[in-house]
């Protein structure tokens, strides 16, 4: 699976099960401007499913999406 597809995959899986798409929230930013660290949470049906950190928002979203997908696949 292409890295760019990771964020959409959990939402597609949720929609196929009759749920609304996953929501990605930036919950924290830390560090100096040249070395930011972003923390992103994945929310599904009003509940936090997964979270991850990354050096960019996209990196953190992709990592959180991977974690969410693992949890969704076993559910």
C-alpha atoms as a PDB file:
ATOM      1  CA  UNK A   1       0.000   0.000   0.000  1.00  0.00           C
ATOM      2  CA  UNK A   2       1.334   3.405  -0.922  1.00  0.00           C
ATOM      3  CA  UNK A   3       2.167   5.647   2.020  1.00  0.00           C
ATOM      4  CA  UNK A   4      -0.183   8.333   0.683  1.00  0.00           C
ATOM      5  CA  UNK A   5      -3.084   5.876   0.944  1.00  0.00           C
ATOM      6  CA  UNK A   6      -2.596   5.110   4.636  1.00  0.00           C
ATOM      7  CA  UNK A   7      -4.781   7.943   5.929  1.00  0.00           C
ATOM      8  CA  UNK A   8      -7.735   7.070   3.694  1.00  0.00           C
ATOM      9  CA  UNK A   9      -7.651   3.320   4.364  1.00  0.00           C
ATOM     10  CA  UNK A  10      -9.097   3.431   7.917  1.00  0.00           C
ATOM     11  CA  UNK A  11     -11.879   5.746   6.717  1.00  0.00           C
ATOM     12  CA  UNK A  12     -12.702   3.442   3.793  1.00  0.00           C
ATOM     13  CA  UNK A  13     -12.831   0.447   6.131  1.00  0.00           C
ATOM     14  CA  UNK A  14     -15.092   2.329   8.536  1.00  0.00           C
ATOM     15  CA  UNK A  15     -17.425   3.443   5.748  1.00  0.00           C
ATOM     16  CA  UNK A  16     -17.693  -0.136   4.480  1.00  0.00           C
ATOM     17  CA  UNK A  17     -18.893  -1.076   7.983  1.00  0.00           C
ATOM     18  CA  UNK A  18     -21.475   1.732   8.052  1.00  0.00           C
ATOM     19  CA  UNK A  19     -19.492   4.175  10.218  1.00  0.00           C
ATOM     20  CA  UNK A  20     -18.531   7.782   9.552  1.00  0.00           C
ATOM     21  CA  UNK A  21     -14.959   8.416   8.331  1.00  0.00           C
ATOM     22  CA  UNK A  22     -12.177   8.748  10.882  1.00  0.00           C
ATOM     23  CA  UNK A  23     -11.396  12.237  12.162  1.00  0.00           C
ATOM     24  CA  UNK A  24      -7.781  13.349  12.590  1.00  0.00           C
ATOM     25  CA  UNK A  25      -7.069  15.922  15.306  1.00  0.00           C
ATOM     26  CA  UNK A  26      -3.855  17.777  16.085  1.00  0.00           C
ATOM     27  CA  UNK A  27      -3.722  17.590  19.872  1.00  0.00           C
ATOM     28  CA  UNK A  28      -0.224  18.952  20.510  1.00  0.00           C
ATOM     29  CA  UNK A  29       2.657  20.776  18.877  1.00  0.00           C
ATOM     30  CA  UNK A  30       5.971  21.076  20.639  1.00  0.00           C
ATOM     31  CA  UNK A  31       9.523  22.098  19.954  1.00  0.00           C
ATOM     32  CA  UNK A  32      11.070  25.036  18.149  1.00  0.00           C
ATOM     33  CA  UNK A  33       9.755  26.037  14.736  1.00  0.00           C
ATOM     34  CA  UNK A  34      12.602  24.281  12.923  1.00  0.00           C
ATOM     35  CA  UNK A  35      12.034  21.003  14.856  1.00  0.00           C
ATOM     36  CA  UNK A  36       8.308  20.764  15.548  1.00  0.00           C
ATOM     37  CA  UNK A  37       6.786  17.556  16.839  1.00  0.00           C
ATOM     38  CA  UNK A  38       3.094  17.040  16.151  1.00  0.00           C
ATOM     39  CA  UNK A  39       0.783  14.680  18.001  1.00  0.00           C
ATOM     40  CA  UNK A  40      -2.256  13.498  16.062  1.00  0.00           C
ATOM     41  CA  UNK A  41      -5.205  11.478  17.338  1.00  0.00           C
ATOM     42  CA  UNK A  42      -7.588   9.398  15.250  1.00  0.00           C
ATOM     43  CA  UNK A  43     -11.197   9.593  16.437  1.00  0.00           C
ATOM     44  CA  UNK A  44     -13.994   7.255  15.396  1.00  0.00           C
ATOM     45  CA  UNK A  45     -17.610   7.620  16.508  1.00  0.00           C
ATOM     46  CA  UNK A  46     -16.621  10.052  19.270  1.00  0.00           C
ATOM     47  CA  UNK A  47     -13.886   7.835  20.713  1.00  0.00           C
ATOM     48  CA  UNK A  48     -10.099   8.121  20.442  1.00  0.00           C
ATOM     49  CA  UNK A  49      -8.817   5.102  18.544  1.00  0.00           C
ATOM     50  CA  UNK A  50      -5.104   5.818  18.128  1.00  0.00           C
ATOM     51  CA  UNK A  51      -2.463   8.523  18.375  1.00  0.00           C
ATOM     52  CA  UNK A  52       1.033   9.122  17.050  1.00  0.00           C
ATOM     53  CA  UNK A  53       3.756  11.748  16.847  1.00  0.00           C
ATOM     54  CA  UNK A  54       5.805  12.939  13.903  1.00  0.00           C
ATOM     55  CA  UNK A  55       8.058  15.670  12.632  1.00  0.00           C
ATOM     56  CA  UNK A  56       5.313  16.846  10.264  1.00  0.00           C
ATOM     57  CA  UNK A  57       1.536  16.725  10.515  1.00  0.00           C
ATOM     58  CA  UNK A  58       1.418  14.336   7.569  1.00  0.00           C
ATOM     59  CA  UNK A  59       3.976  12.000   9.139  1.00  0.00           C
ATOM     60  CA  UNK A  60       2.037  11.939  12.413  1.00  0.00           C
ATOM     61  CA  UNK A  61      -1.271  11.373  10.585  1.00  0.00           C
ATOM     62  CA  UNK A  62       0.183   8.493   8.568  1.00  0.00           C
ATOM     63  CA  UNK A  63       1.572   6.847  11.694  1.00  0.00           C
ATOM     64  CA  UNK A  64      -1.700   7.274  13.582  1.00  0.00           C
ATOM     65  CA  UNK A  65      -3.584   5.872  10.574  1.00  0.00           C
ATOM     66  CA  UNK A  66      -1.373   2.757  10.563  1.00  0.00           C
ATOM     67  CA  UNK A  67      -2.092   2.183  14.257  1.00  0.00           C
ATOM     68  CA  UNK A  68      -5.820   2.749  13.759  1.00  0.00           C
ATOM     69  CA  UNK A  69      -5.913   0.349  10.817  1.00  0.00           C
ATOM     70  CA  UNK A  70      -4.339  -2.430  12.890  1.00  0.00           C
ATOM     71  CA  UNK A  71      -6.959  -1.938  15.582  1.00  0.00           C
ATOM     72  CA  UNK A  72      -9.806  -1.801  13.064  1.00  0.00           C
ATOM     73  CA  UNK A  73      -8.681  -4.953  11.274  1.00  0.00           C
ATOM     74  CA  UNK A  74      -8.828  -7.009  14.482  1.00  0.00           C
ATOM     75  CA  UNK A  75     -12.193  -5.546  15.497  1.00  0.00           C
END
